[in-house]
């Protein structure tokens, strides 16, 4: 019986400690002192992204803070372009070449 009583006391203490952690976390998040807010980024208004003549954008995918463009319609057009959506800066090009 003494072992069972000790186990119940230890488990009760763990429950109380867990509850205190949850309450403190909620209070910190509500007060705003838990973490800094993400800075707002200025966007861009107009962007000219050059692509080779005769190529078409076949697919666009937004991933995190990047826009991925897949070009097609011709052998030299098999490319993937990555653009930063916050600044409009061209991050890089992947050329897809046959092996």
C-alpha atoms as a PDB file:
ATOM      1  CA  UNK A   1       0.000   0.000   0.000  1.00  0.00           C
ATOM      2  CA  UNK A   2       2.849   2.415   0.738  1.00  0.00           C
ATOM      3  CA  UNK A   3       4.243   1.924  -2.786  1.00  0.00           C
ATOM      4  CA  UNK A   4       0.839   2.640  -4.313  1.00  0.00           C
ATOM      5  CA  UNK A   5       0.460   5.776  -2.169  1.00  0.00           C
ATOM      6  CA  UNK A   6       3.900   7.013  -3.272  1.00  0.00           C
ATOM      7  CA  UNK A   7       3.031   6.369  -6.920  1.00  0.00           C
ATOM      8  CA  UNK A   8      -0.233   8.323  -6.616  1.00  0.00           C
ATOM      9  CA  UNK A   9       1.565  11.264  -4.973  1.00  0.00           C
ATOM     10  CA  UNK A  10       4.270  11.330  -7.682  1.00  0.00           C
ATOM     11  CA  UNK A  11       1.677  11.153 -10.483  1.00  0.00           C
ATOM     12  CA  UNK A  12      -0.350  13.933  -8.846  1.00  0.00           C
ATOM     13  CA  UNK A  13       2.761  16.116  -8.646  1.00  0.00           C
ATOM     14  CA  UNK A  14       3.472  15.483 -12.354  1.00  0.00           C
ATOM     15  CA  UNK A  15      -0.093  16.484 -13.269  1.00  0.00           C
ATOM     16  CA  UNK A  16       0.209  19.718 -11.255  1.00  0.00           C
ATOM     17  CA  UNK A  17       3.606  20.512 -12.848  1.00  0.00           C
ATOM     18  CA  UNK A  18       2.213  19.901 -16.326  1.00  0.00           C
ATOM     19  CA  UNK A  19      -0.766  22.132 -15.605  1.00  0.00           C
ATOM     20  CA  UNK A  20       1.552  24.917 -14.420  1.00  0.00           C
ATOM     21  CA  UNK A  21       3.595  24.656 -17.631  1.00  0.00           C
ATOM     22  CA  UNK A  22       0.436  24.898 -19.760  1.00  0.00           C
ATOM     23  CA  UNK A  23      -0.892  27.926 -17.830  1.00  0.00           C
ATOM     24  CA  UNK A  24       2.456  29.761 -17.982  1.00  0.00           C
ATOM     25  CA  UNK A  25       2.763  29.064 -21.727  1.00  0.00           C
ATOM     26  CA  UNK A  26      -0.727  30.389 -22.412  1.00  0.00           C
ATOM     27  CA  UNK A  27      -0.075  33.492 -20.287  1.00  0.00           C
ATOM     28  CA  UNK A  28       3.217  34.206 -22.103  1.00  0.00           C
ATOM     29  CA  UNK A  29       1.616  33.854 -25.532  1.00  0.00           C
ATOM     30  CA  UNK A  30      -1.284  36.107 -24.592  1.00  0.00           C
ATOM     31  CA  UNK A  31       1.033  38.790 -23.243  1.00  0.00           C
ATOM     32  CA  UNK A  32       3.229  38.602 -26.368  1.00  0.00           C
ATOM     33  CA  UNK A  33       6.456  38.037 -24.454  1.00  0.00           C
ATOM     34  CA  UNK A  34       6.819  34.408 -25.526  1.00  0.00           C
ATOM     35  CA  UNK A  35       8.144  35.094 -29.006  1.00  0.00           C
ATOM     36  CA  UNK A  36       8.565  38.002 -31.327  1.00  0.00           C
ATOM     37  CA  UNK A  37       6.096  38.460 -34.138  1.00  0.00           C
ATOM     38  CA  UNK A  38       7.368  37.767 -37.617  1.00  0.00           C
ATOM     39  CA  UNK A  39       8.411  40.967 -39.355  1.00  0.00           C
ATOM     40  CA  UNK A  40       6.212  42.084 -42.208  1.00  0.00           C
ATOM     41  CA  UNK A  41       7.959  42.123 -45.540  1.00  0.00           C
ATOM     42  CA  UNK A  42       7.338  44.643 -48.240  1.00  0.00           C
ATOM     43  CA  UNK A  43       6.186  43.114 -51.505  1.00  0.00           C
ATOM     44  CA  UNK A  44       6.934  44.139 -55.040  1.00  0.00           C
ATOM     45  CA  UNK A  45       4.592  45.781 -57.489  1.00  0.00           C
ATOM     46  CA  UNK A  46       5.810  44.794 -60.952  1.00  0.00           C
ATOM     47  CA  UNK A  47       8.328  42.163 -61.936  1.00  0.00           C
ATOM     48  CA  UNK A  48       9.673  41.356 -65.385  1.00  0.00           C
ATOM     49  CA  UNK A  49      10.947  37.776 -65.288  1.00  0.00           C
ATOM     50  CA  UNK A  50      12.654  36.960 -68.590  1.00  0.00           C
ATOM     51  CA  UNK A  51      12.003  33.535 -70.083  1.00  0.00           C
ATOM     52  CA  UNK A  52      13.419  32.244 -73.388  1.00  0.00           C
ATOM     53  CA  UNK A  53      11.465  33.203 -76.510  1.00  0.00           C
ATOM     54  CA  UNK A  54       8.870  30.620 -77.485  1.00  0.00           C
ATOM     55  CA  UNK A  55       8.653  29.105 -73.986  1.00  0.00           C
ATOM     56  CA  UNK A  56       5.457  28.904 -71.986  1.00  0.00           C
ATOM     57  CA  UNK A  57       4.767  28.574 -68.291  1.00  0.00           C
ATOM     58  CA  UNK A  58       3.354  25.060 -67.974  1.00  0.00           C
ATOM     59  CA  UNK A  59       2.936  24.948 -64.199  1.00  0.00           C
ATOM     60  CA  UNK A  60       3.225  27.248 -61.155  1.00  0.00           C
ATOM     61  CA  UNK A  61       3.569  26.080 -57.556  1.00  0.00           C
ATOM     62  CA  UNK A  62       3.838  28.276 -54.460  1.00  0.00           C
ATOM     63  CA  UNK A  63       6.151  26.712 -51.871  1.00  0.00           C
ATOM     64  CA  UNK A  64       6.893  28.583 -48.621  1.00  0.00           C
ATOM     65  CA  UNK A  65       8.108  32.003 -49.771  1.00  0.00           C
ATOM     66  CA  UNK A  66       8.988  30.872 -53.287  1.00  0.00           C
ATOM     67  CA  UNK A  67       7.141  30.606 -56.565  1.00  0.00           C
ATOM     68  CA  UNK A  68       8.281  27.686 -58.714  1.00  0.00           C
ATOM     69  CA  UNK A  69       7.601  27.992 -62.466  1.00  0.00           C
ATOM     70  CA  UNK A  70       7.970  25.048 -64.854  1.00  0.00           C
ATOM     71  CA  UNK A  71       8.563  26.100 -68.446  1.00  0.00           C
ATOM     72  CA  UNK A  72       7.911  23.918 -71.437  1.00  0.00           C
ATOM     73  CA  UNK A  73       7.066  23.719 -75.152  1.00  0.00           C
ATOM     74  CA  UNK A  74      10.421  22.947 -76.719  1.00  0.00           C
ATOM     75  CA  UNK A  75      13.703  21.259 -75.838  1.00  0.00           C
ATOM     76  CA  UNK A  76      15.479  24.456 -74.774  1.00  0.00           C
ATOM     77  CA  UNK A  77      12.427  25.458 -72.741  1.00  0.00           C
ATOM     78  CA  UNK A  78      12.645  22.550 -70.292  1.00  0.00           C
ATOM     79  CA  UNK A  79      13.480  24.683 -67.267  1.00  0.00           C
ATOM     80  CA  UNK A  80      12.338  25.304 -63.726  1.00  0.00           C
ATOM     81  CA  UNK A  81      12.560  28.858 -62.375  1.00  0.00           C
ATOM     82  CA  UNK A  82      12.465  29.809 -58.680  1.00  0.00           C
ATOM     83  CA  UNK A  83      11.319  33.299 -57.641  1.00  0.00           C
ATOM     84  CA  UNK A  84      11.258  34.844 -54.156  1.00  0.00           C
ATOM     85  CA  UNK A  85       7.660  35.990 -53.633  1.00  0.00           C
ATOM     86  CA  UNK A  86       8.602  38.655 -51.086  1.00  0.00           C
ATOM     87  CA  UNK A  87      11.094  40.522 -53.247  1.00  0.00           C
ATOM     88  CA  UNK A  88      10.408  39.217 -56.759  1.00  0.00           C
ATOM     89  CA  UNK A  89      14.064  38.281 -57.109  1.00  0.00           C
ATOM     90  CA  UNK A  90      14.931  35.418 -59.481  1.00  0.00           C
ATOM     91  CA  UNK A  91      16.576  32.816 -57.226  1.00  0.00           C
ATOM     92  CA  UNK A  92      17.742  30.329 -59.798  1.00  0.00           C
ATOM     93  CA  UNK A  93      17.109  28.173 -62.844  1.00  0.00           C
ATOM     94  CA  UNK A  94      17.216  24.411 -63.237  1.00  0.00           C
ATOM     95  CA  UNK A  95      17.674  23.234 -66.820  1.00  0.00           C
ATOM     96  CA  UNK A  96      16.197  19.826 -67.550  1.00  0.00           C
ATOM     97  CA  UNK A  97      18.444  18.054 -70.066  1.00  0.00           C
ATOM     98  CA  UNK A  98      17.991  14.571 -71.522  1.00  0.00           C
ATOM     99  CA  UNK A  99      20.543  12.011 -70.423  1.00  0.00           C
END
